[in-house]
PDB file of all heavy atoms in Angstrom:
ATOM      1  N   THR A   1      -7.091 -10.311   8.651  1.00  0.00           N
ATOM      2  CA  THR A   1      -7.581  -8.938   8.794  1.00  0.00           C
ATOM      3  C   THR A   1      -7.082  -8.327  10.095  1.00  0.00           C
ATOM      4  O   THR A   1      -6.715  -7.149  10.156  1.00  0.00           O
ATOM      5  CB  THR A   1      -9.115  -8.895   8.750  1.00  0.00           C
ATOM      6  OG1 THR A   1      -9.579  -9.601   7.595  1.00  0.00           O
ATOM      7  CG2 THR A   1      -9.617  -7.463   8.674  1.00  0.00           C
ATOM      8  N   LEU A   2      -7.051  -9.149  11.152  1.00  0.00           N
ATOM      9  CA  LEU A   2      -6.506  -8.690  12.433  1.00  0.00           C
ATOM     10  C   LEU A   2      -5.020  -8.383  12.289  1.00  0.00           C
ATOM     11  O   LEU A   2      -4.539  -7.368  12.823  1.00  0.00           O
ATOM     12  CB  LEU A   2      -6.712  -9.755  13.512  1.00  0.00           C
ATOM     13  CG  LEU A   2      -5.971  -9.536  14.837  1.00  0.00           C
ATOM     14  CD1 LEU A   2      -6.398  -8.217  15.479  1.00  0.00           C
ATOM     15  CD2 LEU A   2      -6.199 -10.702  15.791  1.00  0.00           C
ATOM     16  N   THR A   3      -4.296  -9.226  11.569  1.00  0.00           N
ATOM     17  CA  THR A   3      -2.857  -9.017  11.363  1.00  0.00           C
ATOM     18  C   THR A   3      -2.601  -7.677  10.685  1.00  0.00           C
ATOM     19  O   THR A   3      -1.715  -6.917  11.092  1.00  0.00           O
ATOM     20  CB  THR A   3      -2.260 -10.152  10.516  1.00  0.00           C
ATOM     21  OG1 THR A   3      -2.477 -11.401  11.194  1.00  0.00           O
ATOM     22  CG2 THR A   3      -0.767  -9.956  10.304  1.00  0.00           C
ATOM     23  N   GLU A   4      -3.405  -7.385   9.651  1.00  0.00           N
ATOM     24  CA  GLU A   4      -3.257  -6.104   8.951  1.00  0.00           C
ATOM     25  C   GLU A   4      -3.607  -4.934   9.866  1.00  0.00           C
ATOM     26  O   GLU A   4      -2.916  -3.913   9.895  1.00  0.00           O
ATOM     27  CB  GLU A   4      -4.162  -6.080   7.713  1.00  0.00           C
ATOM     28  CG  GLU A   4      -3.618  -6.879   6.539  1.00  0.00           C
ATOM     29  CD  GLU A   4      -3.778  -6.125   5.232  1.00  0.00           C
ATOM     30  OE1 GLU A   4      -4.514  -5.123   5.195  1.00  0.00           O
ATOM     31  OE2 GLU A   4      -3.138  -6.528   4.253  1.00  0.00           O
ATOM     32  N   HIS A   5      -4.677  -5.095  10.634  1.00  0.00           N
ATOM     33  CA  HIS A   5      -5.107  -4.043  11.548  1.00  0.00           C
ATOM     34  C   HIS A   5      -4.035  -3.716  12.583  1.00  0.00           C
ATOM     35  O   HIS A   5      -3.812  -2.546  12.919  1.00  0.00           O
ATOM     36  CB  HIS A   5      -6.394  -4.461  12.260  1.00  0.00           C
ATOM     37  CG  HIS A   5      -6.698  -3.647  13.478  1.00  0.00           C
ATOM     38  ND1 HIS A   5      -7.287  -2.393  13.426  1.00  0.00           N
ATOM     39  CD2 HIS A   5      -6.455  -3.887  14.805  1.00  0.00           C
ATOM     40  CE1 HIS A   5      -7.414  -1.914  14.648  1.00  0.00           C
ATOM     41  NE2 HIS A   5      -6.912  -2.790  15.510  1.00  0.00           N
ATOM     42  N   SER A   6      -3.350  -4.749  13.085  1.00  0.00           N
ATOM     43  CA  SER A   6      -2.336  -4.571  14.134  1.00  0.00           C
ATOM     44  C   SER A   6      -1.219  -3.634  13.710  1.00  0.00           C
ATOM     45  O   SER A   6      -0.574  -2.996  14.550  1.00  0.00           O
ATOM     46  CB  SER A   6      -1.753  -5.931  14.536  1.00  0.00           C
ATOM     47  OG  SER A   6      -2.758  -6.775  15.064  1.00  0.00           O
ATOM     48  N   ARG A   7      -1.001  -3.533  12.403  1.00  0.00           N
ATOM     49  CA  ARG A   7       0.077  -2.663  11.901  1.00  0.00           C
ATOM     50  C   ARG A   7      -0.218  -1.193  12.168  1.00  0.00           C
ATOM     51  O   ARG A   7       0.687  -0.359  12.173  1.00  0.00           O
ATOM     52  CB  ARG A   7       0.285  -2.918  10.406  1.00  0.00           C
ATOM     53  CG  ARG A   7       0.777  -4.329  10.099  1.00  0.00           C
ATOM     54  CD  ARG A   7       1.027  -4.531   8.617  1.00  0.00           C
ATOM     55  NE  ARG A   7       1.485  -5.887   8.370  1.00  0.00           N
ATOM     56  CZ  ARG A   7       0.943  -6.729   7.487  1.00  0.00           C
ATOM     57  NH1 ARG A   7      -0.075  -6.329   6.746  1.00  0.00           N
ATOM     58  NH2 ARG A   7       1.417  -7.945   7.328  1.00  0.00           N
ATOM     59  N   ILE A   8      -1.487  -0.844  12.368  1.00  0.00           N
ATOM     60  CA  ILE A   8      -1.853   0.535  12.690  1.00  0.00           C
ATOM     61  C   ILE A   8      -1.210   0.942  14.012  1.00  0.00           C
ATOM     62  O   ILE A   8      -0.720   2.053  14.177  1.00  0.00           O
ATOM     63  CB  ILE A   8      -3.389   0.684  12.782  1.00  0.00           C
ATOM     64  CG1 ILE A   8      -4.030   0.442  11.422  1.00  0.00           C
ATOM     65  CG2 ILE A   8      -3.783   2.055  13.343  1.00  0.00           C
ATOM     66  CD1 ILE A   8      -5.561   0.384  11.466  1.00  0.00           C
ATOM     67  N   HIS A   9      -1.186   0.018  14.956  1.00  0.00           N
ATOM     68  CA  HIS A   9      -0.668   0.306  16.293  1.00  0.00           C
ATOM     69  C   HIS A   9       0.862   0.332  16.346  1.00  0.00           C
ATOM     70  O   HIS A   9       1.445   1.117  17.085  1.00  0.00           O
ATOM     71  CB  HIS A   9      -1.205  -0.713  17.296  1.00  0.00           C
ATOM     72  CG  HIS A   9      -2.703  -0.732  17.388  1.00  0.00           C
ATOM     73  ND1 HIS A   9      -3.441   0.349  17.803  1.00  0.00           N
ATOM     74  CD2 HIS A   9      -3.600  -1.715  17.101  1.00  0.00           C
ATOM     75  CE1 HIS A   9      -4.731   0.040  17.767  1.00  0.00           C
ATOM     76  NE2 HIS A   9      -4.856  -1.209  17.357  1.00  0.00           N
ATOM     77  N   ILE A  10       1.471  -0.526  15.543  1.00  0.00           N
ATOM     78  CA  ILE A  10       2.943  -0.586  15.599  1.00  0.00           C
ATOM     79  C   ILE A  10       3.602   0.244  14.497  1.00  0.00           C
ATOM     80  O   ILE A  10       4.817   0.421  14.488  1.00  0.00           O
ATOM     81  CB  ILE A  10       3.437  -2.045  15.524  1.00  0.00           C
ATOM     82  CG1 ILE A  10       3.032  -2.703  14.196  1.00  0.00           C
ATOM     83  CG2 ILE A  10       2.922  -2.850  16.700  1.00  0.00           C
ATOM     84  CD1 ILE A  10       3.570  -4.127  14.032  1.00  0.00           C
ATOM     85  N   GLY A  11       2.784   0.758  13.559  1.00  0.00           N
ATOM     86  CA  GLY A  11       3.325   1.605  12.494  1.00  0.00           C
ATOM     87  C   GLY A  11       4.047   0.834  11.407  1.00  0.00           C
ATOM     88  O   GLY A  11       4.747   1.418  10.580  1.00  0.00           O
ATOM     89  N   GLU A  12       3.869  -0.470  11.391  1.00  0.00           N
ATOM     90  CA  GLU A  12       4.557  -1.301  10.392  1.00  0.00           C
ATOM     91  C   GLU A  12       3.927  -1.109   9.014  1.00  0.00           C
ATOM     92  O   GLU A  12       2.714  -1.155   8.860  1.00  0.00           O
ATOM     93  CB  GLU A  12       4.466  -2.773  10.803  1.00  0.00           C
ATOM     94  CG  GLU A  12       5.149  -3.724   9.817  1.00  0.00           C
ATOM     95  CD  GLU A  12       4.889  -5.180  10.149  1.00  0.00           C
ATOM     96  OE1 GLU A  12       4.239  -5.456  11.175  1.00  0.00           O
ATOM     97  OE2 GLU A  12       5.327  -6.044   9.379  1.00  0.00           O
ATOM     98  N   LYS A  13       4.757  -0.898   8.029  1.00  0.00           N
ATOM     99  CA  LYS A  13       4.303  -0.783   6.640  1.00  0.00           C
ATOM    100  C   LYS A  13       5.006  -1.858   5.817  1.00  0.00           C
ATOM    101  O   LYS A  13       6.163  -1.714   5.430  1.00  0.00           O
ATOM    102  CB  LYS A  13       4.612   0.618   6.096  1.00  0.00           C
ATOM    103  CG  LYS A  13       3.835   1.733   6.801  1.00  0.00           C
ATOM    104  CD  LYS A  13       4.114   3.095   6.198  1.00  0.00           C
ATOM    105  CE  LYS A  13       3.288   4.192   6.871  1.00  0.00           C
ATOM    106  NZ  LYS A  13       3.525   5.522   6.273  1.00  0.00           N
ATOM    107  N   SER A  14       4.278  -2.937   5.551  1.00  0.00           N
ATOM    108  CA  SER A  14       4.893  -4.125   4.953  1.00  0.00           C
ATOM    109  C   SER A  14       4.763  -4.205   3.440  1.00  0.00           C
ATOM    110  O   SER A  14       5.324  -5.096   2.810  1.00  0.00           O
ATOM    111  CB  SER A  14       4.272  -5.388   5.573  1.00  0.00           C
ATOM    112  OG  SER A  14       4.461  -5.397   6.971  1.00  0.00           O
ATOM    113  N   TYR A  15       3.990  -3.304   2.847  1.00  0.00           N
ATOM    114  CA  TYR A  15       3.760  -3.359   1.402  1.00  0.00           C
ATOM    115  C   TYR A  15       4.513  -2.229   0.713  1.00  0.00           C
ATOM    116  O   TYR A  15       4.232  -1.057   0.951  1.00  0.00           O
ATOM    117  CB  TYR A  15       2.261  -3.300   1.106  1.00  0.00           C
ATOM    118  CG  TYR A  15       1.501  -4.434   1.757  1.00  0.00           C
ATOM    119  CD1 TYR A  15       0.807  -4.235   2.953  1.00  0.00           C
ATOM    120  CD2 TYR A  15       1.510  -5.709   1.200  1.00  0.00           C
ATOM    121  CE1 TYR A  15       0.124  -5.279   3.566  1.00  0.00           C
ATOM    122  CE2 TYR A  15       0.834  -6.762   1.799  1.00  0.00           C
ATOM    123  CZ  TYR A  15       0.153  -6.544   2.983  1.00  0.00           C
ATOM    124  OH  TYR A  15      -0.516  -7.580   3.590  1.00  0.00           O
ATOM    125  N   PHE A  16       5.459  -2.607  -0.170  1.00  0.00           N
ATOM    126  CA  PHE A  16       6.338  -1.632  -0.814  1.00  0.00           C
ATOM    127  C   PHE A  16       6.094  -1.562  -2.316  1.00  0.00           C
ATOM    128  O   PHE A  16       5.926  -2.587  -2.990  1.00  0.00           O
ATOM    129  CB  PHE A  16       7.807  -1.993  -0.566  1.00  0.00           C
ATOM    130  CG  PHE A  16       8.234  -1.858   0.868  1.00  0.00           C
ATOM    131  CD1 PHE A  16       8.098  -2.917   1.748  1.00  0.00           C
ATOM    132  CD2 PHE A  16       8.770  -0.659   1.337  1.00  0.00           C
ATOM    133  CE1 PHE A  16       8.479  -2.791   3.078  1.00  0.00           C
ATOM    134  CE2 PHE A  16       9.156  -0.526   2.658  1.00  0.00           C
ATOM    135  CZ  PHE A  16       9.011  -1.597   3.533  1.00  0.00           C
ATOM    136  N   CYS A  17       6.077  -0.347  -2.827  1.00  0.00           N
ATOM    137  CA  CYS A  17       5.954  -0.133  -4.268  1.00  0.00           C
ATOM    138  C   CYS A  17       7.280  -0.487  -4.939  1.00  0.00           C
ATOM    139  O   CYS A  17       8.336   0.009  -4.528  1.00  0.00           O
ATOM    140  CB  CYS A  17       5.585   1.322  -4.547  1.00  0.00           C
ATOM    141  SG  CYS A  17       5.565   1.731  -6.309  1.00  0.00           S
ATOM    142  N   ASN A  18       7.247  -1.323  -5.956  1.00  0.00           N
ATOM    143  CA  ASN A  18       8.486  -1.740  -6.623  1.00  0.00           C
ATOM    144  C   ASN A  18       9.015  -0.699  -7.609  1.00  0.00           C
ATOM    145  O   ASN A  18      10.059  -0.892  -8.225  1.00  0.00           O
ATOM    146  CB  ASN A  18       8.296  -3.083  -7.335  1.00  0.00           C
ATOM    147  CG  ASN A  18       7.162  -3.054  -8.349  1.00  0.00           C
ATOM    148  OD1 ASN A  18       6.588  -2.000  -8.634  1.00  0.00           O
ATOM    149  ND2 ASN A  18       6.828  -4.208  -8.883  1.00  0.00           N
ATOM    150  N   VAL A  19       8.285   0.425  -7.729  1.00  0.00           N
ATOM    151  CA  VAL A  19       8.742   1.509  -8.608  1.00  0.00           C
ATOM    152  C   VAL A  19       9.417   2.610  -7.791  1.00  0.00           C
ATOM    153  O   VAL A  19      10.557   2.995  -8.057  1.00  0.00           O
ATOM    154  CB  VAL A  19       7.566   2.105  -9.418  1.00  0.00           C
ATOM    155  CG1 VAL A  19       8.054   3.265 -10.297  1.00  0.00           C
ATOM    156  CG2 VAL A  19       6.902   1.026 -10.267  1.00  0.00           C
ATOM    157  N   CYS A  20       8.721   3.098  -6.763  1.00  0.00           N
ATOM    158  CA  CYS A  20       9.272   4.214  -5.983  1.00  0.00           C
ATOM    159  C   CYS A  20       9.626   3.833  -4.550  1.00  0.00           C
ATOM    160  O   CYS A  20      10.096   4.657  -3.779  1.00  0.00           O
ATOM    161  CB  CYS A  20       8.303   5.389  -5.971  1.00  0.00           C
ATOM    162  SG  CYS A  20       6.766   5.044  -5.057  1.00  0.00           S
ATOM    163  N   ASN A  21       9.363   2.588  -4.204  1.00  0.00           N
ATOM    164  CA  ASN A  21       9.701   2.044  -2.883  1.00  0.00           C
ATOM    165  C   ASN A  21       8.906   2.675  -1.740  1.00  0.00           C
ATOM    166  O   ASN A  21       9.261   2.529  -0.561  1.00  0.00           O
ATOM    167  CB  ASN A  21      11.206   2.195  -2.593  1.00  0.00           C
ATOM    168  CG  ASN A  21      11.722   1.102  -1.672  1.00  0.00           C
ATOM    169  OD1 ASN A  21      11.284  -0.044  -1.749  1.00  0.00           O
ATOM    170  ND2 ASN A  21      12.633   1.441  -0.791  1.00  0.00           N
ATOM    171  N   LYS A  22       7.812   3.361  -2.042  1.00  0.00           N
ATOM    172  CA  LYS A  22       6.964   3.907  -0.997  1.00  0.00           C
ATOM    173  C   LYS A  22       6.273   2.755  -0.263  1.00  0.00           C
ATOM    174  O   LYS A  22       5.886   1.762  -0.887  1.00  0.00           O
ATOM    175  CB  LYS A  22       5.906   4.845  -1.608  1.00  0.00           C
ATOM    176  CG  LYS A  22       5.104   5.610  -0.567  1.00  0.00           C
ATOM    177  CD  LYS A  22       4.178   6.640  -1.220  1.00  0.00           C
ATOM    178  CE  LYS A  22       3.388   7.405  -0.155  1.00  0.00           C
ATOM    179  NZ  LYS A  22       2.501   8.436  -0.750  1.00  0.00           N
ATOM    180  N   ALA A  23       6.133   2.893   1.062  1.00  0.00           N
ATOM    181  CA  ALA A  23       5.573   1.819   1.877  1.00  0.00           C
ATOM    182  C   ALA A  23       4.145   2.129   2.311  1.00  0.00           C
ATOM    183  O   ALA A  23       3.781   3.290   2.522  1.00  0.00           O
ATOM    184  CB  ALA A  23       6.447   1.588   3.099  1.00  0.00           C
ATOM    185  N   PHE A  24       3.346   1.041   2.467  1.00  0.00           N
ATOM    186  CA  PHE A  24       1.944   1.186   2.843  1.00  0.00           C
ATOM    187  C   PHE A  24       1.567   0.177   3.921  1.00  0.00           C
ATOM    188  O   PHE A  24       2.117  -0.918   4.000  1.00  0.00           O
ATOM    189  CB  PHE A  24       1.045   0.994   1.619  1.00  0.00           C
ATOM    190  CG  PHE A  24       1.288   2.010   0.539  1.00  0.00           C
ATOM    191  CD1 PHE A  24       2.279   1.798  -0.411  1.00  0.00           C
ATOM    192  CD2 PHE A  24       0.551   3.187   0.490  1.00  0.00           C
ATOM    193  CE1 PHE A  24       2.524   2.743  -1.403  1.00  0.00           C
ATOM    194  CE2 PHE A  24       0.792   4.135  -0.499  1.00  0.00           C
ATOM    195  CZ  PHE A  24       1.777   3.917  -1.444  1.00  0.00           C
ATOM    196  N   LEU A  25       0.581   0.556   4.730  1.00  0.00           N
ATOM    197  CA  LEU A  25       0.078  -0.333   5.783  1.00  0.00           C
ATOM    198  C   LEU A  25      -0.720  -1.495   5.196  1.00  0.00           C
ATOM    199  O   LEU A  25      -0.647  -2.615   5.679  1.00  0.00           O
ATOM    200  CB  LEU A  25      -0.836   0.440   6.746  1.00  0.00           C
ATOM    201  CG  LEU A  25      -0.192   1.316   7.815  1.00  0.00           C
ATOM    202  CD1 LEU A  25      -1.264   2.139   8.521  1.00  0.00           C
ATOM    203  CD2 LEU A  25       0.552   0.454   8.828  1.00  0.00           C
ATOM    204  N   HIS A  26      -1.494  -1.196   4.146  1.00  0.00           N
ATOM    205  CA  HIS A  26      -2.419  -2.189   3.607  1.00  0.00           C
ATOM    206  C   HIS A  26      -2.101  -2.512   2.143  1.00  0.00           C
ATOM    207  O   HIS A  26      -1.660  -1.653   1.383  1.00  0.00           O
ATOM    208  CB  HIS A  26      -3.861  -1.697   3.706  1.00  0.00           C
ATOM    209  CG  HIS A  26      -4.263  -1.308   5.098  1.00  0.00           C
ATOM    210  ND1 HIS A  26      -4.425  -2.220   6.109  1.00  0.00           N
ATOM    211  CD2 HIS A  26      -4.509  -0.089   5.652  1.00  0.00           C
ATOM    212  CE1 HIS A  26      -4.767  -1.601   7.224  1.00  0.00           C
ATOM    213  NE2 HIS A  26      -4.818  -0.301   6.977  1.00  0.00           N
ATOM    214  N   LYS A  27      -2.413  -3.731   1.773  1.00  0.00           N
ATOM    215  CA  LYS A  27      -2.159  -4.186   0.408  1.00  0.00           C
ATOM    216  C   LYS A  27      -3.011  -3.411  -0.597  1.00  0.00           C
ATOM    217  O   LYS A  27      -2.551  -3.062  -1.691  1.00  0.00           O
ATOM    218  CB  LYS A  27      -2.450  -5.682   0.306  1.00  0.00           C
ATOM    219  CG  LYS A  27      -2.021  -6.303  -1.022  1.00  0.00           C
ATOM    220  CD  LYS A  27      -2.242  -7.807  -1.012  1.00  0.00           C
ATOM    221  CE  LYS A  27      -1.769  -8.423  -2.330  1.00  0.00           C
ATOM    222  NZ  LYS A  27      -1.946  -9.900  -2.330  1.00  0.00           N
ATOM    223  N   PHE A  28      -4.294  -3.141  -0.219  1.00  0.00           N
ATOM    224  CA  PHE A  28      -5.157  -2.429  -1.158  1.00  0.00           C
ATOM    225  C   PHE A  28      -4.665  -1.002  -1.399  1.00  0.00           C
ATOM    226  O   PHE A  28      -4.837  -0.448  -2.485  1.00  0.00           O
ATOM    227  CB  PHE A  28      -6.616  -2.430  -0.673  1.00  0.00           C
ATOM    228  CG  PHE A  28      -6.888  -1.625   0.567  1.00  0.00           C
ATOM    229  CD1 PHE A  28      -7.114  -0.252   0.500  1.00  0.00           C
ATOM    230  CD2 PHE A  28      -6.923  -2.238   1.814  1.00  0.00           C
ATOM    231  CE1 PHE A  28      -7.378   0.489   1.630  1.00  0.00           C
ATOM    232  CE2 PHE A  28      -7.185  -1.493   2.953  1.00  0.00           C
ATOM    233  CZ  PHE A  28      -7.409  -0.136   2.869  1.00  0.00           C
ATOM    234  N   SER A  29      -4.012  -0.395  -0.375  1.00  0.00           N
ATOM    235  CA  SER A  29      -3.460   0.959  -0.548  1.00  0.00           C
ATOM    236  C   SER A  29      -2.321   0.945  -1.560  1.00  0.00           C
ATOM    237  O   SER A  29      -2.187   1.862  -2.381  1.00  0.00           O
ATOM    238  CB  SER A  29      -2.949   1.491   0.794  1.00  0.00           C
ATOM    239  OG  SER A  29      -3.991   1.597   1.730  1.00  0.00           O
ATOM    240  N   LEU A  30      -1.508  -0.105  -1.516  1.00  0.00           N
ATOM    241  CA  LEU A  30      -0.425  -0.252  -2.483  1.00  0.00           C
ATOM    242  C   LEU A  30      -0.990  -0.440  -3.890  1.00  0.00           C
ATOM    243  O   LEU A  30      -0.492   0.150  -4.864  1.00  0.00           O
ATOM    244  CB  LEU A  30       0.464  -1.439  -2.100  1.00  0.00           C
ATOM    245  CG  LEU A  30       1.516  -1.853  -3.139  1.00  0.00           C
ATOM    246  CD1 LEU A  30       2.489  -0.696  -3.411  1.00  0.00           C
ATOM    247  CD2 LEU A  30       2.282  -3.087  -2.661  1.00  0.00           C
ATOM    248  N   THR A  31      -2.048  -1.255  -3.997  1.00  0.00           N
ATOM    249  CA  THR A  31      -2.674  -1.509  -5.300  1.00  0.00           C
ATOM    250  C   THR A  31      -3.173  -0.210  -5.929  1.00  0.00           C
ATOM    251  O   THR A  31      -2.940   0.053  -7.120  1.00  0.00           O
ATOM    252  CB  THR A  31      -3.847  -2.490  -5.145  1.00  0.00           C
ATOM    253  OG1 THR A  31      -3.372  -3.713  -4.566  1.00  0.00           O
ATOM    254  CG2 THR A  31      -4.488  -2.789  -6.488  1.00  0.00           C
ATOM    255  N   TYR A  32      -3.827   0.622  -5.142  1.00  0.00           N
ATOM    256  CA  TYR A  32      -4.316   1.910  -5.643  1.00  0.00           C
ATOM    257  C   TYR A  32      -3.155   2.832  -6.009  1.00  0.00           C
ATOM    258  O   TYR A  32      -3.196   3.529  -7.023  1.00  0.00           O
ATOM    259  CB  TYR A  32      -5.203   2.589  -4.593  1.00  0.00           C
ATOM    260  CG  TYR A  32      -6.519   1.887  -4.349  1.00  0.00           C
ATOM    261  CD1 TYR A  32      -7.184   2.039  -3.129  1.00  0.00           C
ATOM    262  CD2 TYR A  32      -7.098   1.076  -5.322  1.00  0.00           C
ATOM    263  CE1 TYR A  32      -8.399   1.384  -2.897  1.00  0.00           C
ATOM    264  CE2 TYR A  32      -8.296   0.427  -5.098  1.00  0.00           C
ATOM    265  CZ  TYR A  32      -8.945   0.588  -3.888  1.00  0.00           C
ATOM    266  OH  TYR A  32     -10.132  -0.050  -3.656  1.00  0.00           O
ATOM    267  N   HIS A  33      -2.118   2.832  -5.173  1.00  0.00           N
ATOM    268  CA  HIS A  33      -0.964   3.693  -5.411  1.00  0.00           C
ATOM    269  C   HIS A  33      -0.287   3.376  -6.736  1.00  0.00           C
ATOM    270  O   HIS A  33       0.160   4.291  -7.452  1.00  0.00           O
ATOM    271  CB  HIS A  33       0.045   3.538  -4.271  1.00  0.00           C
ATOM    272  CG  HIS A  33       1.412   4.050  -4.624  1.00  0.00           C
ATOM    273  ND1 HIS A  33       1.743   5.398  -4.604  1.00  0.00           N
ATOM    274  CD2 HIS A  33       2.546   3.394  -5.037  1.00  0.00           C
ATOM    275  CE1 HIS A  33       2.996   5.542  -4.967  1.00  0.00           C
ATOM    276  NE2 HIS A  33       3.512   4.350  -5.238  1.00  0.00           N
ATOM    277  N   LYS A  34      -0.199   2.133  -7.089  1.00  0.00           N
ATOM    278  CA  LYS A  34       0.510   1.722  -8.308  1.00  0.00           C
ATOM    279  C   LYS A  34      -0.091   2.348  -9.560  1.00  0.00           C
ATOM    280  O   LYS A  34       0.588   2.499 -10.579  1.00  0.00           O
ATOM    281  CB  LYS A  34       0.510   0.199  -8.429  1.00  0.00           C
ATOM    282  CG  LYS A  34       1.521  -0.484  -7.517  1.00  0.00           C
ATOM    283  CD  LYS A  34       1.538  -1.994  -7.746  1.00  0.00           C
ATOM    284  CE  LYS A  34       2.643  -2.657  -6.931  1.00  0.00           C
ATOM    285  NZ  LYS A  34       2.673  -4.128  -7.132  1.00  0.00           N
ATOM    286  N   ARG A  35      -1.360   2.745  -9.479  1.00  0.00           N
ATOM    287  CA  ARG A  35      -2.019   3.359 -10.631  1.00  0.00           C
ATOM    288  C   ARG A  35      -1.431   4.735 -10.943  1.00  0.00           C
ATOM    289  O   ARG A  35      -1.592   5.251 -12.045  1.00  0.00           O
ATOM    290  CB  ARG A  35      -3.526   3.452 -10.377  1.00  0.00           C
ATOM    291  CG  ARG A  35      -4.177   2.077 -10.249  1.00  0.00           C
ATOM    292  CD  ARG A  35      -5.698   2.161 -10.162  1.00  0.00           C
ATOM    293  NE  ARG A  35      -6.262   0.828 -10.232  1.00  0.00           N
ATOM    294  CZ  ARG A  35      -6.898   0.229  -9.235  1.00  0.00           C
ATOM    295  NH1 ARG A  35      -7.043   0.857  -8.085  1.00  0.00           N
ATOM    296  NH2 ARG A  35      -7.395  -0.985  -9.383  1.00  0.00           N
ATOM    297  N   VAL A  36      -0.740   5.303  -9.969  1.00  0.00           N
ATOM    298  CA  VAL A  36      -0.037   6.569 -10.208  1.00  0.00           C
ATOM    299  C   VAL A  36       1.052   6.345 -11.251  1.00  0.00           C
ATOM    300  O   VAL A  36       1.292   7.191 -12.117  1.00  0.00           O
ATOM    301  CB  VAL A  36       0.590   7.103  -8.899  1.00  0.00           C
ATOM    302  CG1 VAL A  36       1.477   8.311  -9.177  1.00  0.00           C
ATOM    303  CG2 VAL A  36      -0.499   7.452  -7.894  1.00  0.00           C
ATOM    304  N   HIS A  37       1.684   5.189 -11.181  1.00  0.00           N
ATOM    305  CA  HIS A  37       2.781   4.874 -12.108  1.00  0.00           C
ATOM    306  C   HIS A  37       2.281   4.308 -13.437  1.00  0.00           C
ATOM    307  O   HIS A  37       2.861   4.580 -14.487  1.00  0.00           O
ATOM    308  CB  HIS A  37       3.729   3.866 -11.461  1.00  0.00           C
ATOM    309  CG  HIS A  37       4.321   4.335 -10.164  1.00  0.00           C
ATOM    310  ND1 HIS A  37       5.157   5.436 -10.067  1.00  0.00           N
ATOM    311  CD2 HIS A  37       4.199   3.859  -8.895  1.00  0.00           C
ATOM    312  CE1 HIS A  37       5.525   5.621  -8.804  1.00  0.00           C
ATOM    313  NE2 HIS A  37       4.953   4.671  -8.071  1.00  0.00           N
ATOM    314  N   THR A  38       1.189   3.536 -13.405  1.00  0.00           N
ATOM    315  CA  THR A  38       0.709   2.888 -14.629  1.00  0.00           C
ATOM    316  C   THR A  38      -0.178   3.807 -15.461  1.00  0.00           C
ATOM    317  O   THR A  38      -0.348   3.587 -16.670  1.00  0.00           O
ATOM    318  CB  THR A  38      -0.098   1.623 -14.288  1.00  0.00           C
ATOM    319  OG1 THR A  38      -1.264   2.005 -13.532  1.00  0.00           O
ATOM    320  CG2 THR A  38       0.751   0.647 -13.486  1.00  0.00           C
ATOM    321  N   GLY A  39      -0.755   4.858 -14.804  1.00  0.00           N
ATOM    322  CA  GLY A  39      -1.651   5.751 -15.533  1.00  0.00           C
ATOM    323  C   GLY A  39      -3.067   5.226 -15.594  1.00  0.00           C
ATOM    324  O   GLY A  39      -3.942   5.841 -16.224  1.00  0.00           O
ATOM    325  N   GLU A  40      -3.321   4.084 -14.961  1.00  0.00           N
ATOM    326  CA  GLU A  40      -4.665   3.515 -14.963  1.00  0.00           C
ATOM    327  C   GLU A  40      -5.626   4.462 -14.252  1.00  0.00           C
ATOM    328  O   GLU A  40      -5.305   4.996 -13.188  1.00  0.00           O
ATOM    329  CB  GLU A  40      -4.650   2.155 -14.255  1.00  0.00           C
ATOM    330  CG  GLU A  40      -6.007   1.474 -14.247  1.00  0.00           C
ATOM    331  CD  GLU A  40      -5.968   0.149 -13.498  1.00  0.00           C
ATOM    332  OE1 GLU A  40      -4.863  -0.270 -13.095  1.00  0.00           O
ATOM    333  OE2 GLU A  40      -7.045  -0.438 -13.295  1.00  0.00           O
ATOM    334  N   LYS A  41      -6.798   4.664 -14.832  1.00  0.00           N
ATOM    335  CA  LYS A  41      -7.772   5.581 -14.278  1.00  0.00           C
ATOM    336  C   LYS A  41      -8.870   4.787 -13.592  1.00  0.00           C
ATOM    337  O   LYS A  41      -9.514   3.936 -14.198  1.00  0.00           O
ATOM    338  CB  LYS A  41      -8.333   6.496 -15.368  1.00  0.00           C
ATOM    339  CG  LYS A  41      -7.240   7.396 -15.945  1.00  0.00           C
ATOM    340  CD  LYS A  41      -7.740   8.297 -17.036  1.00  0.00           C
ATOM    341  CE  LYS A  41      -6.613   9.191 -17.566  1.00  0.00           C
ATOM    342  NZ  LYS A  41      -7.064  10.072 -18.651  1.00  0.00           N
ATOM    343  N   LEU A  42      -9.072   5.122 -12.310  1.00  0.00           N
ATOM    344  CA  LEU A  42      -9.920   4.296 -11.468  1.00  0.00           C
ATOM    345  C   LEU A  42     -11.392   4.657 -11.527  1.00  0.00           C
ATOM    346  O   LEU A  42     -12.236   3.803 -11.682  1.00  0.00           O
ATOM    347  CB  LEU A  42      -9.436   4.380 -10.017  1.00  0.00           C
ATOM    348  CG  LEU A  42     -10.185   3.538  -8.988  1.00  0.00           C
ATOM    349  CD1 LEU A  42     -10.080   2.067  -9.311  1.00  0.00           C
ATOM    350  CD2 LEU A  42      -9.659   3.830  -7.590  1.00  0.00           C
ATOM    351  N   PHE A  43     -11.717   5.954 -11.387  1.00  0.00           N
ATOM    352  CA  PHE A  43     -13.110   6.340 -11.259  1.00  0.00           C
ATOM    353  C   PHE A  43     -13.612   7.051 -12.517  1.00  0.00           C
ATOM    354  O   PHE A  43     -12.931   7.894 -13.088  1.00  0.00           O
ATOM    355  CB  PHE A  43     -13.308   7.278 -10.054  1.00  0.00           C
ATOM    356  CG  PHE A  43     -12.894   6.634  -8.752  1.00  0.00           C
ATOM    357  CD1 PHE A  43     -11.785   7.101  -8.056  1.00  0.00           C
ATOM    358  CD2 PHE A  43     -13.607   5.561  -8.252  1.00  0.00           C
ATOM    359  CE1 PHE A  43     -11.401   6.510  -6.873  1.00  0.00           C
ATOM    360  CE2 PHE A  43     -13.233   4.968  -7.070  1.00  0.00           C
ATOM    361  CZ  PHE A  43     -12.122   5.439  -6.368  1.00  0.00           C
TER     362      PHE A  43
END
């Protein structure tokens, strides 16, 4: 969790979407983003 948090300070985005190659700081952000491509409805 600390490792993920540290990316906020250095601006590192290690999680990439394999469809549009958009990068994210956190893994959960990438997971939510992928629903844009799959059409999955969250709420």
